């Protein structure tokens, strides 16, 4: 099962003012650099982000495999 979290919202803290900026994962994938309302540039490290998503997908695959085994008993 392919995990799709693109519509999930995450809060990105602004390094300038500390305010949390809510963005969807799908939006962040195409806009890793943006400005906070205070004017501070924010850059999301997509390599760490992609690692986290890959880890979540691996966990989901593991759960899916376990559920399939239960169904075969």
Protein backbone atom coordinates (compact mmCIF):
# COMPACT_ATOMS: atom_id res chain seq x y z
CA UNK A 1 0.00 0.00 0.00
CA UNK A 2 1.48 3.33 -1.08
CA UNK A 3 1.44 5.86 1.72
CA UNK A 4 0.36 9.31 0.49
CA UNK A 5 0.76 12.08 3.03
CA UNK A 6 0.74 14.99 0.57
CA UNK A 7 -2.46 16.46 2.01
CA UNK A 8 -1.21 16.15 5.61
CA UNK A 9 -0.36 19.49 7.26
CA UNK A 10 2.83 20.03 9.24
CA UNK A 11 3.88 23.03 11.33
CA UNK A 12 7.24 24.53 10.36
CA UNK A 13 8.74 26.83 13.02
CA UNK A 14 10.09 30.16 11.79
CA UNK A 15 13.72 30.65 12.86
CA UNK A 16 13.10 34.40 13.08
CA UNK A 17 9.89 34.97 15.01
CA UNK A 18 9.22 31.43 16.29
CA UNK A 19 5.72 31.36 14.83
CA UNK A 20 4.67 27.99 13.37
CA UNK A 21 3.75 28.09 9.70
CA UNK A 22 1.30 25.37 8.58
CA UNK A 23 2.01 23.85 5.17
CA UNK A 24 0.96 20.59 3.50
CA UNK A 25 3.60 17.98 2.72
CA UNK A 26 2.70 18.14 -0.96
CA UNK A 27 3.23 21.90 -1.02
CA UNK A 28 6.57 21.60 0.79
CA UNK A 29 7.81 19.06 -1.77
CA UNK A 30 7.61 21.74 -4.48
CA UNK A 31 8.31 24.79 -2.29
CA UNK A 32 11.13 23.90 0.14
CA UNK A 33 12.05 27.58 0.48
CA UNK A 34 9.48 30.20 1.42
CA UNK A 35 9.10 33.29 3.58
CA UNK A 36 7.30 33.57 6.90
CA UNK A 37 4.80 36.40 7.31
CA UNK A 38 7.50 38.22 9.32
CA UNK A 39 9.76 38.20 6.24
CA UNK A 40 12.22 35.58 7.52
CA UNK A 41 13.21 33.04 4.84
CA UNK A 42 12.50 29.43 5.80
CA UNK A 43 14.25 26.49 4.13
CA UNK A 44 13.07 22.91 4.67
CA UNK A 45 15.75 20.22 4.32
CA UNK A 46 14.03 17.87 1.89
CA UNK A 47 16.64 15.12 2.34
CA UNK A 48 15.69 14.70 6.01
CA UNK A 49 12.05 15.09 5.09
CA UNK A 50 12.27 12.35 2.45
CA UNK A 51 14.10 10.06 4.90
CA UNK A 52 11.23 10.46 7.36
CA UNK A 53 8.65 9.72 4.69
CA UNK A 54 10.62 6.66 3.54
CA UNK A 55 10.71 5.41 7.14
CA UNK A 56 6.96 5.89 7.45
CA UNK A 57 6.43 3.98 4.17
CA UNK A 58 8.63 1.13 5.41
CA UNK A 59 6.56 0.90 8.60
CA UNK A 60 3.33 0.93 6.57
CA UNK A 61 4.67 -1.85 4.32
CA UNK A 62 5.51 -3.90 7.41
CA UNK A 63 2.01 -3.48 8.82
CA UNK A 64 0.50 -4.34 5.44
CA UNK A 65 2.59 -7.55 5.22
CA UNK A 66 1.58 -8.55 8.76
CA UNK A 67 -2.12 -8.01 7.98
CA UNK A 68 -1.84 -10.11 4.82
CA UNK A 69 -0.36 -12.98 6.85
CA UNK A 70 -3.28 -12.81 9.29
CA UNK A 71 -5.73 -13.07 6.39
CA UNK A 72 -4.06 -16.26 5.12
CA UNK A 73 -4.42 -18.22 8.33
